[in-house]
Amino acid sequence: MALNKNALIRYKTIDKCLQNNYRQWTLDDLIEACSDTLYEYEGRSVNVSKRTVQLDIQMMRSDKLGYNAPIVVYNKKYYKYEEEGYSITDIPLNENDMNVLSETVEMLKQFKDFSLFSELGGIIQRLEDKVYTEKTDQSAIIHLDKNEKLKGLEHLDVLYQAIIKKMVLKIKYQSFKAREASEIVFHPYILKEYNNRWFLIGRPGIEAKKPIVTFALDRIVDIDYDTSITYKNNNFNGDEYYKDVIGVTVSNTRAERIQFWVDKKNAPYVITKPFHSSQRIIKKTDDGIIFNIFVQINFELERLILGFGDAIEVIKPKRLRDRMKRKLEKAAGFYENLA
């Protein structure tokens, strides 16, 4: 158990003792109480020195932790709270505390689709009630990019639990190209979010020997468990799998060096929000900056480049440069005959 946690246990123990006005508490009594409580937590004797408890009382009296506890000594021997009914657990929250709590509640609520967080639901609700009873309403300061109208979010928890419990699934999946859904035996490995969409990654088939597959949650029609099939993870490592990838589309091609130029106006955005962890600055020019990244060429990379419009130029490889040229020429053609 960490030392700081031990300290918190001692603070709470001293607090509980001093709330009991039916007993007189000497320093030795407080030491004994702290030792007994730590023994209950640790399962072994913990040496609590006189100096430690004296420093604890000093810390509780100070405003370092926001306690400002009114601990006084009377008859030069006994400790008590000068204010009847005081407790460090009932300290009123200041404005900064309320703002932090309010934003924390809002952030936790973003994960309500997972049962992992549902156990926090009551705590979050009580925090929210506490916040709104002690402060006036104000608009949220932190806004997370989340679309509540996205399809497939209802599957998140089922899939999460299946991965945790190592369960094989029978998934009815209908891609955008398919006329009807197909039922697939699936060994789920990880859930991945990209660009505000969720994806399930795993291997299909009873033996899970087929290549890794990525399913968009919004194309999943139905999910069921198949307990008759043994779950096989095959030592899948999500971090390694996506190491050289932007987004979720992993191809059979090797990662390669992508070199691109970004104009002077937009370069700071690329510097502060890199395309990929491998991004490096190669050269600074009068009108912009040349960058390198080492990734697979995929759909998401192309979308990212196209999103910068005329502020970016792919230098190499040539096949990616030619592909971007064709796409931009086709896009420009849409505007030529506009009345």
C-alpha atoms as a PDB file:
ATOM      1  CA  MET A   1       0.000   0.000   0.000  1.00  0.00           C
ATOM      2  CA  ALA A   2       1.400   3.383  -0.996  1.00  0.00           C
ATOM      3  CA  LEU A   3       2.508   5.777   1.692  1.00  0.00           C
ATOM      4  CA  ASN A   4       0.101   8.508   0.567  1.00  0.00           C
ATOM      5  CA  LYS A   5      -2.789   6.066   0.893  1.00  0.00           C
ATOM      6  CA  ASN A   6      -1.656   5.193   4.404  1.00  0.00           C
ATOM      7  CA  ALA A   7      -1.695   8.894   5.215  1.00  0.00           C
ATOM      8  CA  LEU A   8      -5.277   9.247   3.990  1.00  0.00           C
ATOM      9  CA  ILE A   9      -6.289   6.270   6.110  1.00  0.00           C
ATOM     10  CA  ARG A  10      -4.700   7.896   9.148  1.00  0.00           C
ATOM     11  CA  TYR A  11      -6.449  11.227   8.439  1.00  0.00           C
ATOM     12  CA  LYS A  12      -9.825   9.480   8.243  1.00  0.00           C
ATOM     13  CA  THR A  13      -9.083   7.501  11.410  1.00  0.00           C
ATOM     14  CA  ILE A  14      -8.107  10.617  13.381  1.00  0.00           C
ATOM     15  CA  ASP A  15     -11.189  12.368  12.002  1.00  0.00           C
ATOM     16  CA  LYS A  16     -13.452   9.536  13.150  1.00  0.00           C
ATOM     17  CA  CYS A  17     -11.881   9.552  16.603  1.00  0.00           C
ATOM     18  CA  LEU A  18     -12.247  13.302  17.105  1.00  0.00           C
ATOM     19  CA  GLN A  19     -15.908  13.143  16.087  1.00  0.00           C
ATOM     20  CA  ASN A  20     -16.520  10.940  19.103  1.00  0.00           C
ATOM     21  CA  ASN A  21     -17.077  13.448  21.918  1.00  0.00           C
ATOM     22  CA  TYR A  22     -17.862  10.718  24.435  1.00  0.00           C
ATOM     23  CA  ARG A  23     -14.199   9.896  24.797  1.00  0.00           C
ATOM     24  CA  GLN A  24     -11.081  11.896  25.502  1.00  0.00           C
ATOM     25  CA  TRP A  25      -8.348  11.328  22.914  1.00  0.00           C
ATOM     26  CA  THR A  26      -4.679  11.493  23.852  1.00  0.00           C
ATOM     27  CA  LEU A  27      -1.918  11.364  21.254  1.00  0.00           C
ATOM     28  CA  ASP A  28      -1.217   7.760  22.278  1.00  0.00           C
ATOM     29  CA  ASP A  29      -4.900   6.893  21.727  1.00  0.00           C
ATOM     30  CA  LEU A  30      -4.786   8.334  18.212  1.00  0.00           C
ATOM     31  CA  ILE A  31      -1.574   6.429  17.457  1.00  0.00           C
ATOM     32  CA  GLU A  32      -3.176   3.191  18.615  1.00  0.00           C
ATOM     33  CA  ALA A  33      -6.332   3.830  16.567  1.00  0.00           C
ATOM     34  CA  CYS A  34      -4.266   4.513  13.423  1.00  0.00           C
ATOM     35  CA  SER A  35      -2.192   1.385  13.980  1.00  0.00           C
ATOM     36  CA  ASP A  36      -5.310  -0.771  14.427  1.00  0.00           C
ATOM     37  CA  THR A  37      -6.946   0.606  11.272  1.00  0.00           C
ATOM     38  CA  LEU A  38      -3.836   0.124   9.151  1.00  0.00           C
ATOM     39  CA  TYR A  39      -3.570  -3.431  10.482  1.00  0.00           C
ATOM     40  CA  GLU A  40      -7.092  -4.100   9.206  1.00  0.00           C
ATOM     41  CA  TYR A  41      -6.134  -2.820   5.736  1.00  0.00           C
ATOM     42  CA  GLU A  42      -2.659  -4.340   5.542  1.00  0.00           C
ATOM     43  CA  GLY A  43      -3.156  -7.580   7.451  1.00  0.00           C
ATOM     44  CA  ARG A  44       0.070  -6.917   9.307  1.00  0.00           C
ATOM     45  CA  SER A  45       1.396  -4.591  11.986  1.00  0.00           C
ATOM     46  CA  VAL A  46       2.346  -1.126  10.748  1.00  0.00           C
ATOM     47  CA  ASN A  47       4.575   1.056  12.860  1.00  0.00           C
ATOM     48  CA  VAL A  48       2.912   4.449  13.374  1.00  0.00           C
ATOM     49  CA  SER A  49       5.224   6.786  15.218  1.00  0.00           C
ATOM     50  CA  LYS A  50       4.352   9.673  17.502  1.00  0.00           C
ATOM     51  CA  ARG A  51       5.989  12.070  15.055  1.00  0.00           C
ATOM     52  CA  THR A  52       3.870  10.700  12.178  1.00  0.00           C
ATOM     53  CA  VAL A  53       0.565  11.376  13.937  1.00  0.00           C
ATOM     54  CA  GLN A  54       1.746  14.818  15.065  1.00  0.00           C
ATOM     55  CA  LEU A  55       2.532  15.670  11.433  1.00  0.00           C
ATOM     56  CA  ASP A  56      -0.864  14.247  10.390  1.00  0.00           C
ATOM     57  CA  ILE A  57      -2.630  16.565  12.817  1.00  0.00           C
ATOM     58  CA  GLN A  58      -0.556  19.477  11.568  1.00  0.00           C
ATOM     59  CA  MET A  59      -1.474  18.617   7.959  1.00  0.00           C
ATOM     60  CA  MET A  60      -5.169  18.337   8.834  1.00  0.00           C
ATOM     61  CA  ARG A  61      -5.053  21.749  10.515  1.00  0.00           C
ATOM     62  CA  SER A  62      -3.476  23.357   7.441  1.00  0.00           C
ATOM     63  CA  ASP A  63      -5.133  24.285   4.141  1.00  0.00           C
ATOM     64  CA  LYS A  64      -2.758  22.145   2.033  1.00  0.00           C
ATOM     65  CA  LEU A  65      -5.476  19.528   1.603  1.00  0.00           C
ATOM     66  CA  GLY A  66      -8.303  21.980   2.102  1.00  0.00           C
ATOM     67  CA  TYR A  67      -9.178  20.573   5.537  1.00  0.00           C
ATOM     68  CA  ASN A  68      -8.388  23.510   7.869  1.00  0.00           C
ATOM     69  CA  ALA A  69      -9.500  21.175  10.622  1.00  0.00           C
ATOM     70  CA  PRO A  70     -10.203  23.012  13.942  1.00  0.00           C
ATOM     71  CA  ILE A  71      -8.200  20.570  16.071  1.00  0.00           C
ATOM     72  CA  VAL A  72      -7.403  21.903  19.534  1.00  0.00           C
ATOM     73  CA  VAL A  73      -5.649  20.555  22.621  1.00  0.00           C
ATOM     74  CA  TYR A  74      -7.283  20.958  26.009  1.00  0.00           C
ATOM     75  CA  ASN A  75      -5.908  20.226  29.456  1.00  0.00           C
ATOM     76  CA  LYS A  76      -2.537  20.073  27.656  1.00  0.00           C
ATOM     77  CA  LYS A  77      -3.252  16.439  26.866  1.00  0.00           C
ATOM     78  CA  TYR A  78      -6.454  15.725  24.939  1.00  0.00           C
ATOM     79  CA  TYR A  79      -7.362  16.422  21.304  1.00  0.00           C
ATOM     80  CA  LYS A  80     -10.778  17.359  19.988  1.00  0.00           C
ATOM     81  CA  TYR A  81     -12.572  19.358  17.283  1.00  0.00           C
ATOM     82  CA  GLU A  82     -13.331  22.863  18.485  1.00  0.00           C
ATOM     83  CA  GLU A  83     -16.429  22.905  16.251  1.00  0.00           C
ATOM     84  CA  GLU A  84     -18.996  20.322  17.272  1.00  0.00           C
ATOM     85  CA  GLY A  85     -20.047  18.072  14.394  1.00  0.00           C
ATOM     86  CA  TYR A  86     -17.030  18.948  12.243  1.00  0.00           C
ATOM     87  CA  SER A  87     -15.596  16.324   9.888  1.00  0.00           C
ATOM     88  CA  ILE A  88     -13.038  16.513   7.097  1.00  0.00           C
ATOM     89  CA  THR A  89     -15.521  14.563   4.958  1.00  0.00           C
ATOM     90  CA  ASP A  90     -18.063  17.401   5.166  1.00  0.00           C
ATOM     91  CA  ILE A  91     -15.876  20.212   3.880  1.00  0.00           C
ATOM     92  CA  PRO A  92     -17.846  22.524   1.583  1.00  0.00           C
ATOM     93  CA  LEU A  93     -16.550  22.615  -1.974  1.00  0.00           C
ATOM     94  CA  ASN A  94     -15.090  25.830  -3.312  1.00  0.00           C
ATOM     95  CA  GLU A  95     -15.883  27.228  -6.757  1.00  0.00           C
ATOM     96  CA  ASN A  96     -12.859  25.618  -8.397  1.00  0.00           C
ATOM     97  CA  ASP A  97     -13.750  22.240  -6.867  1.00  0.00           C
ATOM     98  CA  MET A  98     -17.270  22.564  -8.239  1.00  0.00           C
ATOM     99  CA  ASN A  99     -16.069  23.394 -11.738  1.00  0.00           C
ATOM    100  CA  VAL A 100     -13.672  20.456 -11.770  1.00  0.00           C
ATOM    101  CA  LEU A 101     -16.351  18.087 -10.479  1.00  0.00           C
ATOM    102  CA  SER A 102     -18.890  19.356 -12.973  1.00  0.00           C
ATOM    103  CA  GLU A 103     -16.607  18.760 -15.948  1.00  0.00           C
ATOM    104  CA  THR A 104     -15.481  15.382 -14.569  1.00  0.00           C
ATOM    105  CA  VAL A 105     -19.109  14.276 -14.340  1.00  0.00           C
ATOM    106  CA  GLU A 106     -19.728  15.339 -17.932  1.00  0.00           C
ATOM    107  CA  MET A 107     -16.652  13.450 -19.127  1.00  0.00           C
ATOM    108  CA  LEU A 108     -17.590  10.267 -17.243  1.00  0.00           C
ATOM    109  CA  LYS A 109     -21.083  10.382 -18.731  1.00  0.00           C
ATOM    110  CA  GLN A 110     -19.555  10.083 -22.204  1.00  0.00           C
ATOM    111  CA  PHE A 111     -18.751   6.460 -21.390  1.00  0.00           C
ATOM    112  CA  LYS A 112     -22.236   5.444 -20.315  1.00  0.00           C
ATOM    113  CA  ASP A 113     -22.408   2.829 -23.101  1.00  0.00           C
ATOM    114  CA  PHE A 114     -19.992   0.568 -21.206  1.00  0.00           C
ATOM    115  CA  SER A 115     -21.153  -1.480 -18.219  1.00  0.00           C
ATOM    116  CA  LEU A 116     -17.635  -0.984 -16.852  1.00  0.00           C
ATOM    117  CA  PHE A 117     -18.758   2.536 -16.060  1.00  0.00           C
ATOM    118  CA  SER A 118     -22.375   1.715 -15.263  1.00  0.00           C
ATOM    119  CA  GLU A 119     -21.312   0.699 -11.763  1.00  0.00           C
ATOM    120  CA  LEU A 120     -20.247   4.300 -11.347  1.00  0.00           C
ATOM    121  CA  GLY A 121     -23.697   5.467 -12.368  1.00  0.00           C
ATOM    122  CA  GLY A 122     -24.937   6.041  -8.828  1.00  0.00           C
ATOM    123  CA  ILE A 123     -21.730   7.791  -7.857  1.00  0.00           C
ATOM    124  CA  ILE A 124     -21.873   9.994 -10.947  1.00  0.00           C
ATOM    125  CA  GLN A 125     -25.508  10.824 -10.241  1.00  0.00           C
ATOM    126  CA  ARG A 126     -24.739  11.782  -6.649  1.00  0.00           C
ATOM    127  CA  LEU A 127     -21.802  13.885  -7.798  1.00  0.00           C
ATOM    128  CA  GLU A 128     -24.020  15.573 -10.333  1.00  0.00           C
ATOM    129  CA  ASP A 129     -26.672  16.295  -7.709  1.00  0.00           C
ATOM    130  CA  LYS A 130     -23.995  17.675  -5.380  1.00  0.00           C
ATOM    131  CA  VAL A 131     -22.631  19.901  -8.102  1.00  0.00           C
ATOM    132  CA  TYR A 132     -25.943  21.344  -9.161  1.00  0.00           C
ATOM    133  CA  THR A 133     -27.193  21.940  -5.645  1.00  0.00           C
ATOM    134  CA  GLU A 134     -24.103  23.972  -4.765  1.00  0.00           C
ATOM    135  CA  LYS A 135     -23.559  25.972  -7.945  1.00  0.00           C
ATOM    136  CA  THR A 136     -25.582  27.791 -10.525  1.00  0.00           C
ATOM    137  CA  ASP A 137     -26.024  26.242 -13.949  1.00  0.00           C
ATOM    138  CA  GLN A 138     -23.460  27.100 -16.562  1.00  0.00           C
ATOM    139  CA  SER A 139     -22.712  25.772 -20.008  1.00  0.00           C
ATOM    140  CA  ALA A 140     -20.176  22.946 -20.234  1.00  0.00           C
ATOM    141  CA  ILE A 141     -16.550  23.957 -20.556  1.00  0.00           C
ATOM    142  CA  ILE A 142     -15.348  20.635 -21.996  1.00  0.00           C
ATOM    143  CA  HIS A 143     -17.113  19.265 -25.060  1.00  0.00           C
ATOM    144  CA  LEU A 144     -16.144  15.815 -26.300  1.00  0.00           C
ATOM    145  CA  ASP A 145     -16.825  15.014 -29.947  1.00  0.00           C
ATOM    146  CA  LYS A 146     -19.549  12.397 -29.719  1.00  0.00           C
ATOM    147  CA  ASN A 147     -22.569  11.784 -31.935  1.00  0.00           C
ATOM    148  CA  GLU A 148     -25.397  10.242 -29.929  1.00  0.00           C
ATOM    149  CA  LYS A 149     -27.260   9.390 -33.165  1.00  0.00           C
ATOM    150  CA  LEU A 150     -24.574   6.970 -34.341  1.00  0.00           C
ATOM    151  CA  LYS A 151     -25.898   3.489 -34.997  1.00  0.00           C
ATOM    152  CA  GLY A 152     -24.321   0.520 -33.286  1.00  0.00           C
ATOM    153  CA  LEU A 153     -23.529   2.130 -29.958  1.00  0.00           C
ATOM    154  CA  GLU A 154     -26.008  -0.250 -28.341  1.00  0.00           C
ATOM    155  CA  HIS A 155     -23.591  -3.098 -29.171  1.00  0.00           C
ATOM    156  CA  LEU A 156     -20.634  -1.587 -27.328  1.00  0.00           C
ATOM    157  CA  ASP A 157     -21.244  -3.177 -23.965  1.00  0.00           C
ATOM    158  CA  VAL A 158     -22.123  -6.630 -25.312  1.00  0.00           C
ATOM    159  CA  LEU A 159     -18.924  -6.676 -27.341  1.00  0.00           C
ATOM    160  CA  TYR A 160     -16.860  -5.284 -24.477  1.00  0.00           C
ATOM    161  CA  GLN A 161     -18.111  -8.018 -22.147  1.00  0.00           C
ATOM    162  CA  ALA A 162     -17.479 -10.692 -24.786  1.00  0.00           C
ATOM    163  CA  ILE A 163     -13.843  -9.600 -25.115  1.00  0.00           C
ATOM    164  CA  ILE A 164     -13.345  -9.458 -21.349  1.00  0.00           C
ATOM    165  CA  LYS A 165     -14.945 -12.898 -20.856  1.00  0.00           C
ATOM    166  CA  LYS A 166     -13.281 -14.391 -23.976  1.00  0.00           C
ATOM    167  CA  MET A 167     -16.551 -15.376 -25.634  1.00  0.00           C
ATOM    168  CA  VAL A 168     -16.997 -16.417 -29.266  1.00  0.00           C
ATOM    169  CA  LEU A 169     -19.750 -14.539 -31.072  1.00  0.00           C
ATOM    170  CA  LYS A 170     -22.204 -15.160 -33.866  1.00  0.00           C
ATOM    171  CA  ILE A 171     -22.556 -11.842 -35.612  1.00  0.00           C
ATOM    172  CA  LYS A 172     -25.062 -10.884 -38.271  1.00  0.00           C
ATOM    173  CA  TYR A 173     -23.237  -8.333 -40.357  1.00  0.00           C
ATOM    174  CA  GLN A 174     -24.327  -6.409 -43.421  1.00  0.00           C
ATOM    175  CA  SER A 175     -21.738  -4.304 -45.204  1.00  0.00           C
ATOM    176  CA  PHE A 176     -22.777  -1.345 -47.343  1.00  0.00           C
ATOM    177  CA  LYS A 177     -22.197  -3.469 -50.444  1.00  0.00           C
ATOM    178  CA  ALA A 178     -24.182  -6.518 -49.285  1.00  0.00           C
ATOM    179  CA  ARG A 179     -27.876  -6.950 -50.079  1.00  0.00           C
ATOM    180  CA  GLU A 180     -28.502  -8.891 -46.878  1.00  0.00           C
ATOM    181  CA  ALA A 181     -26.777  -9.717 -43.610  1.00  0.00           C
ATOM    182  CA  SER A 182     -24.462 -12.717 -43.225  1.00  0.00           C
ATOM    183  CA  GLU A 183     -23.964 -14.708 -40.010  1.00  0.00           C
ATOM    184  CA  ILE A 184     -20.303 -14.974 -39.016  1.00  0.00           C
ATOM    185  CA  VAL A 185     -18.586 -16.876 -36.216  1.00  0.00           C
ATOM    186  CA  PHE A 186     -16.231 -14.326 -34.683  1.00  0.00           C
ATOM    187  CA  HIS A 187     -13.478 -14.202 -32.063  1.00  0.00           C
ATOM    188  CA  PRO A 188     -13.472 -10.570 -30.819  1.00  0.00           C
ATOM    189  CA  TYR A 189     -10.141  -9.029 -29.802  1.00  0.00           C
ATOM    190  CA  ILE A 190     -10.471  -5.273 -29.341  1.00  0.00           C
ATOM    191  CA  LEU A 191     -12.831  -2.329 -29.808  1.00  0.00           C
ATOM    192  CA  LYS A 192     -11.407   0.680 -31.615  1.00  0.00           C
ATOM    193  CA  GLU A 193     -12.757   4.191 -32.059  1.00  0.00           C
ATOM    194  CA  TYR A 194     -11.709   6.369 -34.975  1.00  0.00           C
ATOM    195  CA  ASN A 195     -13.205   9.587 -36.256  1.00  0.00           C
ATOM    196  CA  ASN A 196     -16.220   9.195 -33.971  1.00  0.00           C
ATOM    197  CA  ARG A 197     -17.053   5.672 -35.239  1.00  0.00           C
ATOM    198  CA  TRP A 198     -16.564   2.383 -33.405  1.00  0.00           C
ATOM    199  CA  PHE A 199     -15.090  -0.799 -34.853  1.00  0.00           C
ATOM    200  CA  LEU A 200     -14.726  -4.409 -33.707  1.00  0.00           C
ATOM    201  CA  ILE A 201     -11.492  -6.185 -34.561  1.00  0.00           C
ATOM    202  CA  GLY A 202     -11.005  -9.943 -34.432  1.00  0.00           C
ATOM    203  CA  ARG A 203     -10.831 -13.173 -36.434  1.00  0.00           C
ATOM    204  CA  PRO A 204     -13.717 -15.003 -38.119  1.00  0.00           C
ATOM    205  CA  GLY A 205     -14.149 -18.766 -38.285  1.00  0.00           C
ATOM    206  CA  ILE A 206     -14.412 -21.561 -35.738  1.00  0.00           C
ATOM    207  CA  GLU A 207     -10.634 -22.019 -35.510  1.00  0.00           C
ATOM    208  CA  ALA A 208      -9.858 -18.290 -35.815  1.00  0.00           C
ATOM    209  CA  LYS A 209      -7.193 -19.003 -38.411  1.00  0.00           C
ATOM    210  CA  LYS A 210      -8.415 -16.496 -40.985  1.00  0.00           C
ATOM    211  CA  PRO A 211      -6.937 -12.990 -41.357  1.00  0.00           C
ATOM    212  CA  ILE A 212      -7.912 -10.194 -38.973  1.00  0.00           C
ATOM    213  CA  VAL A 213     -11.225  -8.545 -39.868  1.00  0.00           C
ATOM    214  CA  THR A 214     -12.607  -5.111 -38.955  1.00  0.00           C
ATOM    215  CA  PHE A 215     -16.359  -4.686 -38.504  1.00  0.00           C
ATOM    216  CA  ALA A 216     -18.048  -1.302 -38.179  1.00  0.00           C
ATOM    217  CA  LEU A 217     -20.498  -1.406 -35.284  1.00  0.00           C
ATOM    218  CA  ASP A 218     -23.108   0.493 -37.277  1.00  0.00           C
ATOM    219  CA  ARG A 219     -23.280  -2.425 -39.761  1.00  0.00           C
ATOM    220  CA  ILE A 220     -23.844  -5.096 -37.101  1.00  0.00           C
ATOM    221  CA  VAL A 221     -27.442  -6.279 -37.213  1.00  0.00           C
ATOM    222  CA  ASP A 222     -27.431  -8.784 -34.347  1.00  0.00           C
ATOM    223  CA  ILE A 223     -25.067 -10.419 -31.854  1.00  0.00           C
ATOM    224  CA  ASP A 224     -25.282 -13.758 -30.060  1.00  0.00           C
ATOM    225  CA  TYR A 225     -22.868 -15.884 -28.004  1.00  0.00           C
ATOM    226  CA  ASP A 226     -21.665 -19.332 -29.063  1.00  0.00           C
ATOM    227  CA  THR A 227     -20.440 -21.175 -25.979  1.00  0.00           C
ATOM    228  CA  SER A 228     -19.768 -24.377 -27.931  1.00  0.00           C
ATOM    229  CA  ILE A 229     -16.671 -22.864 -29.585  1.00  0.00           C
ATOM    230  CA  THR A 230     -13.385 -22.327 -27.764  1.00  0.00           C
ATOM    231  CA  TYR A 231     -12.219 -18.718 -27.861  1.00  0.00           C
ATOM    232  CA  LYS A 232      -8.804 -18.184 -29.472  1.00  0.00           C
ATOM    233  CA  ASN A 233      -6.883 -14.941 -29.147  1.00  0.00           C
ATOM    234  CA  ASN A 234      -3.750 -16.058 -31.052  1.00  0.00           C
ATOM    235  CA  ASN A 235      -1.672 -13.538 -29.064  1.00  0.00           C
ATOM    236  CA  PHE A 236      -3.208 -10.585 -30.869  1.00  0.00           C
ATOM    237  CA  ASN A 237      -1.616  -7.241 -29.951  1.00  0.00           C
ATOM    238  CA  GLY A 238      -3.667  -4.190 -30.936  1.00  0.00           C
ATOM    239  CA  ASP A 239      -0.827  -1.722 -30.467  1.00  0.00           C
ATOM    240  CA  GLU A 240       1.458  -3.724 -32.732  1.00  0.00           C
ATOM    241  CA  TYR A 241      -1.300  -4.325 -35.292  1.00  0.00           C
ATOM    242  CA  TYR A 242      -2.027  -0.602 -35.706  1.00  0.00           C
ATOM    243  CA  LYS A 243       1.543   0.625 -35.242  1.00  0.00           C
ATOM    244  CA  ASP A 244       1.987   1.745 -38.872  1.00  0.00           C
ATOM    245  CA  VAL A 245      -1.619   2.676 -39.575  1.00  0.00           C
ATOM    246  CA  ILE A 246      -3.731   5.814 -39.598  1.00  0.00           C
ATOM    247  CA  GLY A 247      -7.323   4.895 -38.806  1.00  0.00           C
ATOM    248  CA  VAL A 248      -8.582   1.299 -38.863  1.00  0.00           C
ATOM    249  CA  THR A 249      -7.884   0.009 -42.380  1.00  0.00           C
ATOM    250  CA  VAL A 250      -4.927  -2.385 -42.256  1.00  0.00           C
ATOM    251  CA  SER A 251      -3.694  -3.705 -45.585  1.00  0.00           C
ATOM    252  CA  ASN A 252      -1.297  -6.494 -46.512  1.00  0.00           C
ATOM    253  CA  THR A 253       1.186  -3.933 -47.818  1.00  0.00           C
ATOM    254  CA  ARG A 254       4.201  -2.774 -45.874  1.00  0.00           C
ATOM    255  CA  ALA A 255       4.445   0.662 -44.341  1.00  0.00           C
ATOM    256  CA  GLU A 256       6.347   3.132 -46.488  1.00  0.00           C
ATOM    257  CA  ARG A 257       7.737   6.599 -46.228  1.00  0.00           C
ATOM    258  CA  ILE A 258       5.215   9.294 -47.148  1.00  0.00           C
ATOM    259  CA  GLN A 259       6.651  12.742 -47.802  1.00  0.00           C
ATOM    260  CA  PHE A 260       4.384  15.771 -48.065  1.00  0.00           C
ATOM    261  CA  TRP A 261       4.554  19.556 -47.996  1.00  0.00           C
ATOM    262  CA  VAL A 262       2.141  21.729 -46.020  1.00  0.00           C
ATOM    263  CA  ASP A 263       1.872  25.470 -46.593  1.00  0.00           C
ATOM    264  CA  LYS A 264       3.059  27.991 -44.031  1.00  0.00           C
ATOM    265  CA  LYS A 265      -0.430  28.788 -42.780  1.00  0.00           C
ATOM    266  CA  ASN A 266      -1.451  25.192 -42.037  1.00  0.00           C
ATOM    267  CA  ALA A 267       1.914  23.709 -41.013  1.00  0.00           C
ATOM    268  CA  PRO A 268       1.493  24.638 -37.317  1.00  0.00           C
ATOM    269  CA  TYR A 269      -1.691  22.534 -37.189  1.00  0.00           C
ATOM    270  CA  VAL A 270       0.181  19.516 -38.539  1.00  0.00           C
ATOM    271  CA  ILE A 271       3.053  20.093 -36.110  1.00  0.00           C
ATOM    272  CA  THR A 272       0.781  20.281 -33.065  1.00  0.00           C
ATOM    273  CA  LYS A 273      -1.509  17.475 -34.250  1.00  0.00           C
ATOM    274  CA  PRO A 274       0.710  15.022 -36.152  1.00  0.00           C
ATOM    275  CA  PHE A 275      -0.759  12.720 -38.785  1.00  0.00           C
ATOM    276  CA  HIS A 276       1.027   9.795 -37.100  1.00  0.00           C
ATOM    277  CA  SER A 277       3.484   9.128 -34.274  1.00  0.00           C
ATOM    278  CA  SER A 278       6.242   8.581 -36.866  1.00  0.00           C
ATOM    279  CA  GLN A 279       5.903  12.131 -38.210  1.00  0.00           C
ATOM    280  CA  ARG A 280       9.144  14.079 -38.605  1.00  0.00           C
ATOM    281  CA  ILE A 281      10.007  17.505 -40.021  1.00  0.00           C
ATOM    282  CA  ILE A 282      12.364  17.092 -42.978  1.00  0.00           C
ATOM    283  CA  LYS A 283      12.779  20.623 -44.215  1.00  0.00           C
ATOM    284  CA  LYS A 284      11.473  24.122 -43.592  1.00  0.00           C
ATOM    285  CA  THR A 285      10.958  26.241 -46.702  1.00  0.00           C
ATOM    286  CA  ASP A 286       9.955  29.860 -47.200  1.00  0.00           C
ATOM    287  CA  ASP A 287       6.378  28.878 -47.993  1.00  0.00           C
ATOM    288  CA  GLY A 288       5.875  25.824 -45.786  1.00  0.00           C
ATOM    289  CA  ILE A 289       7.279  22.664 -44.199  1.00  0.00           C
ATOM    290  CA  ILE A 290       8.073  19.203 -45.610  1.00  0.00           C
ATOM    291  CA  PHE A 291       7.100  16.266 -43.372  1.00  0.00           C
ATOM    292  CA  ASN A 292       7.750  12.524 -43.385  1.00  0.00           C
ATOM    293  CA  ILE A 293       5.569   9.779 -41.944  1.00  0.00           C
ATOM    294  CA  PHE A 294       6.052   6.019 -42.107  1.00  0.00           C
ATOM    295  CA  VAL A 295       2.661   4.349 -42.583  1.00  0.00           C
ATOM    296  CA  GLN A 296       0.613   2.072 -44.794  1.00  0.00           C
ATOM    297  CA  ILE A 297      -1.255   3.814 -47.603  1.00  0.00           C
ATOM    298  CA  ASN A 298      -4.935   3.387 -46.856  1.00  0.00           C
ATOM    299  CA  PHE A 299      -8.340   5.040 -47.151  1.00  0.00           C
ATOM    300  CA  GLU A 300      -7.961   7.082 -43.953  1.00  0.00           C
ATOM    301  CA  LEU A 301      -4.604   8.495 -45.005  1.00  0.00           C
ATOM    302  CA  GLU A 302      -6.065   9.612 -48.332  1.00  0.00           C
ATOM    303  CA  ARG A 303      -9.047  11.213 -46.574  1.00  0.00           C
ATOM    304  CA  LEU A 304      -6.724  13.019 -44.190  1.00  0.00           C
ATOM    305  CA  ILE A 305      -4.639  14.424 -47.052  1.00  0.00           C
ATOM    306  CA  LEU A 306      -7.686  15.452 -49.079  1.00  0.00           C
ATOM    307  CA  GLY A 307      -9.042  17.249 -46.019  1.00  0.00           C
ATOM    308  CA  PHE A 308      -6.247  19.826 -46.316  1.00  0.00           C
ATOM    309  CA  GLY A 309      -7.261  20.689 -49.872  1.00  0.00           C
ATOM    310  CA  ASP A 310      -4.865  23.114 -51.563  1.00  0.00           C
ATOM    311  CA  ALA A 311      -2.737  23.473 -48.410  1.00  0.00           C
ATOM    312  CA  ILE A 312      -0.935  20.153 -48.913  1.00  0.00           C
ATOM    313  CA  GLU A 313       1.108  18.443 -51.613  1.00  0.00           C
ATOM    314  CA  VAL A 314       2.183  14.790 -51.629  1.00  0.00           C
ATOM    315  CA  ILE A 315       5.791  14.615 -52.802  1.00  0.00           C
ATOM    316  CA  LYS A 316       6.314  10.852 -52.637  1.00  0.00           C
ATOM    317  CA  PRO A 317       5.724   8.030 -53.215  1.00  0.00           C
ATOM    318  CA  LYS A 318       4.736   8.679 -56.817  1.00  0.00           C
ATOM    319  CA  ARG A 319       1.755   6.323 -56.810  1.00  0.00           C
ATOM    320  CA  LEU A 320       0.156   8.161 -53.894  1.00  0.00           C
ATOM    321  CA  ARG A 321       0.943  11.509 -55.506  1.00  0.00           C
ATOM    322  CA  ASP A 322      -0.675  10.358 -58.779  1.00  0.00           C
ATOM    323  CA  ARG A 323      -3.703   9.020 -56.907  1.00  0.00           C
ATOM    324  CA  MET A 324      -4.229  12.324 -55.094  1.00  0.00           C
ATOM    325  CA  LYS A 325      -3.872  14.167 -58.404  1.00  0.00           C
ATOM    326  CA  ARG A 326      -6.588  12.048 -60.045  1.00  0.00           C
ATOM    327  CA  LYS A 327      -8.956  12.527 -57.121  1.00  0.00           C
ATOM    328  CA  LEU A 328      -8.448  16.301 -57.072  1.00  0.00           C
ATOM    329  CA  GLU A 329      -8.864  16.580 -60.842  1.00  0.00           C
ATOM    330  CA  LYS A 330     -12.115  14.636 -60.618  1.00  0.00           C
ATOM    331  CA  ALA A 331     -13.295  16.809 -57.731  1.00  0.00           C
ATOM    332  CA  ALA A 332     -12.417  19.985 -59.622  1.00  0.00           C
ATOM    333  CA  GLY A 333     -14.484  18.723 -62.546  1.00  0.00           C
ATOM    334  CA  PHE A 334     -17.599  18.832 -60.416  1.00  0.00           C
ATOM    335  CA  TYR A 335     -17.343  22.603 -60.307  1.00  0.00           C
ATOM    336  CA  GLU A 336     -16.558  23.343 -63.962  1.00  0.00           C
ATOM    337  CA  ASN A 337     -20.093  23.286 -65.343  1.00  0.00           C
ATOM    338  CA  LEU A 338     -21.861  24.840 -62.385  1.00  0.00           C
ATOM    339  CA  ALA A 339     -24.519  27.276 -63.672  1.00  0.00           C
END
